[in-house]
Protein backbone atom coordinates (compact mmCIF):
# COMPACT_ATOMS: atom_id res chain seq x y z
CA MET A 1 -106.88 -200.71 4.74
CA LYS A 2 -109.43 -197.94 5.28
CA ARG A 3 -107.04 -195.49 3.68
CA GLN A 4 -106.78 -197.57 0.52
CA PHE A 5 -110.57 -197.95 0.41
CA LEU A 6 -111.08 -194.18 0.59
CA TYR A 7 -108.31 -193.64 -1.96
CA ASN A 8 -110.00 -196.09 -4.32
CA ILE A 9 -113.32 -194.28 -3.97
CA LEU A 10 -111.68 -190.94 -4.71
CA LEU A 11 -109.92 -192.36 -7.76
CA ASN A 12 -113.19 -193.78 -9.07
CA VAL A 13 -115.00 -190.47 -8.59
CA GLY A 14 -112.14 -188.64 -10.30
CA LEU A 15 -112.19 -191.05 -13.23
CA ILE A 16 -115.94 -190.70 -13.67
CA LEU A 17 -115.76 -186.91 -13.55
CA MET A 18 -112.88 -186.77 -16.01
CA VAL A 19 -114.62 -189.10 -18.46
CA LEU A 20 -117.74 -186.92 -18.30
CA SER A 21 -115.55 -183.85 -18.74
CA ALA A 22 -113.82 -185.40 -21.76
CA VAL A 23 -117.16 -186.26 -23.38
CA ALA A 24 -118.49 -182.75 -22.77
CA ALA A 25 -115.30 -181.19 -24.14
CA TYR A 26 -115.46 -183.38 -27.23
CA ASN A 27 -119.11 -182.53 -27.87
CA SER A 28 -118.44 -178.80 -27.52
CA LYS A 29 -115.25 -179.03 -29.64
CA GLN A 30 -112.98 -177.71 -26.90
CA TYR A 31 -109.96 -179.78 -27.78
CA PRO A 32 -107.46 -178.27 -25.30
CA VAL A 33 -109.82 -179.17 -22.45
CA LEU A 34 -110.24 -182.63 -23.98
CA ALA A 35 -106.46 -183.11 -24.06
CA ILE A 36 -106.13 -182.09 -20.43
CA SER A 37 -108.98 -184.41 -19.44
CA VAL A 38 -107.39 -187.33 -21.27
CA ALA A 39 -104.04 -186.63 -19.59
CA ILE A 40 -105.67 -186.58 -16.15
CA ILE A 41 -107.55 -189.80 -16.99
CA ALA A 42 -104.22 -191.45 -17.87
CA ILE A 43 -102.70 -190.32 -14.56
CA LEU A 44 -105.70 -191.55 -12.57
CA VAL A 45 -105.65 -194.94 -14.32
CA PHE A 46 -101.94 -195.26 -13.53
CA LEU A 47 -102.58 -194.41 -9.86
CA LYS A 48 -105.44 -196.92 -9.72
CA TYR A 49 -103.17 -199.60 -11.22
CA ARG A 50 -100.53 -198.87 -8.57
CA LEU A 51 -103.15 -199.05 -5.83
CA LEU A 52 -104.42 -202.42 -7.05
CA LYS A 53 -100.85 -203.70 -7.23
CA GLN A 54 -100.22 -202.51 -3.67
CA ILE A 55 -103.42 -204.17 -2.41
CA ARG A 56 -102.44 -207.44 -4.08
CA GLN A 57 -99.05 -207.31 -2.31
CA LEU A 58 -100.69 -206.61 1.06
CA THR A 59 -103.14 -209.48 0.71
CA LYS A 60 -100.47 -211.82 -0.60
CA ASN A 61 -98.25 -211.22 2.44
CA ARG A 62 -101.05 -212.07 4.89
């Protein structure tokens, strides 16, 4: 369970950093960087969804 907790924290930090990066890229009109940031945000959201699904399964089985 500690592993999932640490993984969740890292995903949250990554999401926050990527959102800030996307905003900065948009404000400075660096659209390739914005596209990369949005792609990484999508991947991190998908990983967070999988983690939450896994946690629900673990708690359901207990």
